[in-house]
Amino acid sequence: MFAKLDGVALYLQPLTDNKMLIINIKENESIDKALKRFKKKFEKTGVLKELRARTAFEKPSVTRRTEILKAAYRQKQFAKENY
């Protein structure tokens, strides 16, 4: 990853794809706020999630099972919230 701060934008290239994350730094904006916005945007790309998933092989049946369990949990939480 390469970071370059030229007063206008913070450019970082994720490990996957050839797309760049561009965070425009507004006038009188602190670097902390810009970094927070970058972290949020970077998290939405799912690069770290994918990297962690690729560290160890997971059988497709295990993946399906975890997705079903997560969906059931979300459904249960939604039902509890709207009850």
N, C-alpha and C. Protein backbone atom coordinates (compact mmCIF):
# COMPACT_ATOMS: atom_id res chain seq x y z
N MET A 1 0.83 -1.18 0.00
CA MET A 1 0.00 0.00 0.00
C MET A 1 0.88 1.24 0.00
N PHE A 2 0.42 2.23 -0.66
CA PHE A 2 1.18 3.46 -0.77
C PHE A 2 0.29 4.63 -0.37
N ALA A 3 0.77 5.45 0.52
CA ALA A 3 -0.01 6.61 0.96
C ALA A 3 0.70 7.88 0.53
N LYS A 4 -0.05 8.81 0.01
CA LYS A 4 0.52 10.06 -0.43
C LYS A 4 -0.45 11.17 -0.01
N LEU A 5 0.03 12.13 0.71
CA LEU A 5 -0.80 13.23 1.16
C LEU A 5 -0.27 14.49 0.50
N ASP A 6 -1.05 15.05 -0.41
CA ASP A 6 -0.60 16.24 -1.11
C ASP A 6 -1.46 17.46 -0.79
N GLY A 7 -2.15 17.42 0.35
CA GLY A 7 -2.95 18.56 0.77
C GLY A 7 -4.37 18.53 0.24
N VAL A 8 -4.62 17.76 -0.78
CA VAL A 8 -5.95 17.72 -1.37
C VAL A 8 -6.62 16.37 -1.15
N ALA A 9 -5.89 15.30 -1.33
CA ALA A 9 -6.51 13.99 -1.22
C ALA A 9 -5.52 12.97 -0.67
N LEU A 10 -6.07 11.95 -0.07
CA LEU A 10 -5.28 10.84 0.46
C LEU A 10 -5.55 9.65 -0.45
N TYR A 11 -4.50 9.14 -1.10
CA TYR A 11 -4.66 8.05 -2.05
C TYR A 11 -4.08 6.78 -1.46
N LEU A 12 -4.87 5.74 -1.42
CA LEU A 12 -4.38 4.43 -1.00
C LEU A 12 -4.94 3.38 -1.93
N GLN A 13 -4.07 2.49 -2.35
CA GLN A 13 -4.49 1.44 -3.26
C GLN A 13 -4.65 0.15 -2.49
N PRO A 14 -5.84 -0.45 -2.51
CA PRO A 14 -6.05 -1.71 -1.79
C PRO A 14 -5.29 -2.85 -2.46
N LEU A 15 -5.14 -3.96 -1.74
CA LEU A 15 -4.41 -5.11 -2.24
C LEU A 15 -5.14 -5.80 -3.39
N THR A 16 -6.47 -5.86 -3.33
CA THR A 16 -7.23 -6.50 -4.38
C THR A 16 -7.73 -5.45 -5.37
N ASP A 17 -8.02 -5.91 -6.56
CA ASP A 17 -8.48 -5.04 -7.64
C ASP A 17 -7.43 -3.97 -7.93
N ASN A 18 -7.68 -3.20 -8.93
CA ASN A 18 -6.77 -2.11 -9.26
C ASN A 18 -7.46 -0.77 -9.09
N LYS A 19 -8.35 -0.72 -8.12
CA LYS A 19 -9.07 0.51 -7.85
C LYS A 19 -8.41 1.22 -6.69
N MET A 20 -8.47 2.54 -6.69
CA MET A 20 -7.89 3.33 -5.62
C MET A 20 -8.96 3.91 -4.73
N LEU A 21 -8.67 3.98 -3.46
CA LEU A 21 -9.54 4.70 -2.54
C LEU A 21 -9.08 6.15 -2.52
N ILE A 22 -9.98 7.04 -2.78
CA ILE A 22 -9.64 8.47 -2.78
C ILE A 22 -10.48 9.16 -1.73
N ILE A 23 -9.81 9.79 -0.79
CA ILE A 23 -10.47 10.55 0.26
C ILE A 23 -10.09 12.00 0.08
N ASN A 24 -11.05 12.81 -0.29
CA ASN A 24 -10.78 14.24 -0.44
C ASN A 24 -10.75 14.89 0.93
N ILE A 25 -9.67 15.60 1.21
CA ILE A 25 -9.53 16.28 2.49
C ILE A 25 -10.07 17.69 2.33
N LYS A 26 -11.06 18.00 3.15
CA LYS A 26 -11.69 19.30 3.07
C LYS A 26 -10.81 20.35 3.75
N GLU A 27 -11.07 21.58 3.42
CA GLU A 27 -10.30 22.68 4.01
C GLU A 27 -10.55 22.75 5.52
N ASN A 28 -9.49 22.91 6.28
CA ASN A 28 -9.52 22.99 7.75
C ASN A 28 -10.01 21.69 8.39
N GLU A 29 -9.88 20.55 7.69
CA GLU A 29 -10.26 19.27 8.25
C GLU A 29 -9.03 18.61 8.85
N SER A 30 -9.18 18.07 10.05
CA SER A 30 -8.04 17.43 10.69
C SER A 30 -7.73 16.10 10.01
N ILE A 31 -6.48 15.71 10.12
CA ILE A 31 -6.06 14.45 9.51
C ILE A 31 -6.74 13.27 10.19
N ASP A 32 -7.09 13.42 11.46
CA ASP A 32 -7.78 12.35 12.19
C ASP A 32 -9.14 12.06 11.58
N LYS A 33 -9.88 13.11 11.25
CA LYS A 33 -11.21 12.92 10.64
C LYS A 33 -11.08 12.28 9.27
N ALA A 34 -10.09 12.73 8.50
CA ALA A 34 -9.88 12.17 7.17
C ALA A 34 -9.48 10.70 7.27
N LEU A 35 -8.64 10.38 8.24
CA LEU A 35 -8.22 9.00 8.44
C LEU A 35 -9.39 8.13 8.87
N LYS A 36 -10.27 8.68 9.70
CA LYS A 36 -11.46 7.95 10.13
C LYS A 36 -12.36 7.65 8.93
N ARG A 37 -12.52 8.64 8.05
CA ARG A 37 -13.33 8.43 6.85
C ARG A 37 -12.70 7.38 5.95
N PHE A 38 -11.35 7.41 5.86
CA PHE A 38 -10.64 6.42 5.05
C PHE A 38 -10.85 5.01 5.62
N LYS A 39 -10.71 4.88 6.94
CA LYS A 39 -10.87 3.57 7.57
C LYS A 39 -12.26 3.00 7.31
N LYS A 40 -13.27 3.87 7.40
CA LYS A 40 -14.65 3.45 7.17
C LYS A 40 -14.82 2.98 5.72
N LYS A 41 -14.27 3.74 4.79
CA LYS A 41 -14.38 3.40 3.38
C LYS A 41 -13.61 2.11 3.07
N PHE A 42 -12.44 1.97 3.69
CA PHE A 42 -11.61 0.79 3.48
C PHE A 42 -12.30 -0.45 4.03
N GLU A 43 -12.96 -0.31 5.17
CA GLU A 43 -13.68 -1.44 5.77
C GLU A 43 -14.82 -1.89 4.86
N LYS A 44 -15.48 -0.95 4.20
CA LYS A 44 -16.59 -1.28 3.31
C LYS A 44 -16.13 -2.06 2.08
N THR A 45 -14.86 -1.91 1.70
CA THR A 45 -14.36 -2.64 0.53
C THR A 45 -14.24 -4.13 0.82
N GLY A 46 -14.06 -4.49 2.09
CA GLY A 46 -14.00 -5.90 2.47
C GLY A 46 -12.67 -6.57 2.20
N VAL A 47 -11.60 -5.78 2.04
CA VAL A 47 -10.29 -6.33 1.74
C VAL A 47 -9.78 -7.18 2.91
N LEU A 48 -9.86 -6.66 4.12
CA LEU A 48 -9.36 -7.40 5.28
C LEU A 48 -10.18 -8.66 5.53
N LYS A 49 -11.48 -8.56 5.34
CA LYS A 49 -12.35 -9.72 5.53
C LYS A 49 -11.96 -10.83 4.55
N GLU A 50 -11.72 -10.45 3.31
CA GLU A 50 -11.32 -11.42 2.29
C GLU A 50 -9.95 -12.00 2.59
N LEU A 51 -9.04 -11.17 3.06
CA LEU A 51 -7.69 -11.62 3.40
C LEU A 51 -7.74 -12.66 4.52
N ARG A 52 -8.54 -12.39 5.54
CA ARG A 52 -8.68 -13.33 6.65
C ARG A 52 -9.34 -14.63 6.18
N ALA A 53 -10.28 -14.52 5.26
CA ALA A 53 -10.96 -15.72 4.76
C ALA A 53 -10.02 -16.59 3.94
N ARG A 54 -9.05 -15.97 3.29
CA ARG A 54 -8.13 -16.72 2.43
C ARG A 54 -6.96 -17.33 3.19
N THR A 55 -6.79 -16.99 4.47
CA THR A 55 -5.65 -17.53 5.22
C THR A 55 -5.76 -19.03 5.40
N ALA A 56 -6.96 -19.55 5.55
CA ALA A 56 -7.16 -20.98 5.71
C ALA A 56 -8.35 -21.41 4.86
N PHE A 57 -8.24 -22.58 4.27
CA PHE A 57 -9.33 -23.09 3.44
C PHE A 57 -10.51 -23.50 4.31
N GLU A 58 -11.68 -23.14 3.85
CA GLU A 58 -12.91 -23.53 4.53
C GLU A 58 -13.78 -24.27 3.54
N LYS A 59 -14.23 -25.46 3.94
CA LYS A 59 -15.05 -26.26 3.04
C LYS A 59 -16.34 -25.52 2.71
N PRO A 60 -16.84 -25.69 1.48
CA PRO A 60 -18.09 -25.01 1.10
C PRO A 60 -19.26 -25.34 2.01
N SER A 61 -19.30 -26.58 2.52
CA SER A 61 -20.40 -26.94 3.42
C SER A 61 -20.32 -26.17 4.72
N VAL A 62 -19.12 -25.93 5.21
CA VAL A 62 -18.93 -25.16 6.44
C VAL A 62 -19.33 -23.70 6.20
N THR A 63 -18.95 -23.17 5.05
CA THR A 63 -19.30 -21.79 4.70
C THR A 63 -20.82 -21.62 4.65
N ARG A 64 -21.50 -22.55 3.98
CA ARG A 64 -22.96 -22.49 3.89
C ARG A 64 -23.58 -22.55 5.28
N ARG A 65 -23.06 -23.46 6.12
CA ARG A 65 -23.62 -23.62 7.46
C ARG A 65 -23.47 -22.34 8.28
N THR A 66 -22.29 -21.71 8.23
CA THR A 66 -22.10 -20.47 9.00
C THR A 66 -23.00 -19.36 8.48
N GLU A 67 -23.19 -19.30 7.15
CA GLU A 67 -24.09 -18.28 6.60
C GLU A 67 -25.52 -18.51 7.06
N ILE A 68 -25.94 -19.75 7.10
CA ILE A 68 -27.30 -20.07 7.56
C ILE A 68 -27.46 -19.70 9.03
N LEU A 69 -26.46 -20.01 9.85
CA LEU A 69 -26.52 -19.68 11.27
C LEU A 69 -26.55 -18.16 11.48
N LYS A 70 -25.75 -17.43 10.70
CA LYS A 70 -25.74 -15.97 10.81
C LYS A 70 -27.10 -15.38 10.41
N ALA A 71 -27.68 -15.92 9.34
CA ALA A 71 -28.98 -15.44 8.88
C ALA A 71 -30.06 -15.71 9.92
N ALA A 72 -30.01 -16.88 10.54
CA ALA A 72 -30.98 -17.22 11.57
C ALA A 72 -30.83 -16.28 12.77
N TYR A 73 -29.60 -15.98 13.13
CA TYR A 73 -29.35 -15.07 14.25
C TYR A 73 -29.89 -13.67 13.95
N ARG A 74 -29.61 -13.18 12.73
CA ARG A 74 -30.11 -11.85 12.33
C ARG A 74 -31.63 -11.82 12.33
N GLN A 75 -32.24 -12.89 11.84
CA GLN A 75 -33.69 -12.97 11.79
C GLN A 75 -34.28 -12.96 13.20
N LYS A 76 -33.63 -13.67 14.11
CA LYS A 76 -34.06 -13.71 15.50
C LYS A 76 -33.95 -12.33 16.15
N GLN A 77 -32.85 -11.62 15.89
CA GLN A 77 -32.66 -10.29 16.43
C GLN A 77 -33.70 -9.31 15.87
N PHE A 78 -33.99 -9.44 14.57
CA PHE A 78 -34.97 -8.57 13.93
C PHE A 78 -36.35 -8.82 14.51
N ALA A 79 -36.69 -10.09 14.73
CA ALA A 79 -37.99 -10.45 15.29
C ALA A 79 -38.12 -9.92 16.71
N LYS A 80 -37.03 -10.01 17.47
CA LYS A 80 -37.04 -9.52 18.86
C LYS A 80 -37.20 -8.00 18.89
N GLU A 81 -36.57 -7.33 17.93
CA GLU A 81 -36.62 -5.86 17.87
C GLU A 81 -38.00 -5.35 17.49
N ASN A 82 -38.68 -6.06 16.60
CA ASN A 82 -39.98 -5.63 16.11
C ASN A 82 -41.16 -6.23 16.86
N TYR A 83 -40.90 -6.96 17.92
CA TYR A 83 -41.96 -7.58 18.68
C TYR A 83 -42.64 -6.65 19.58
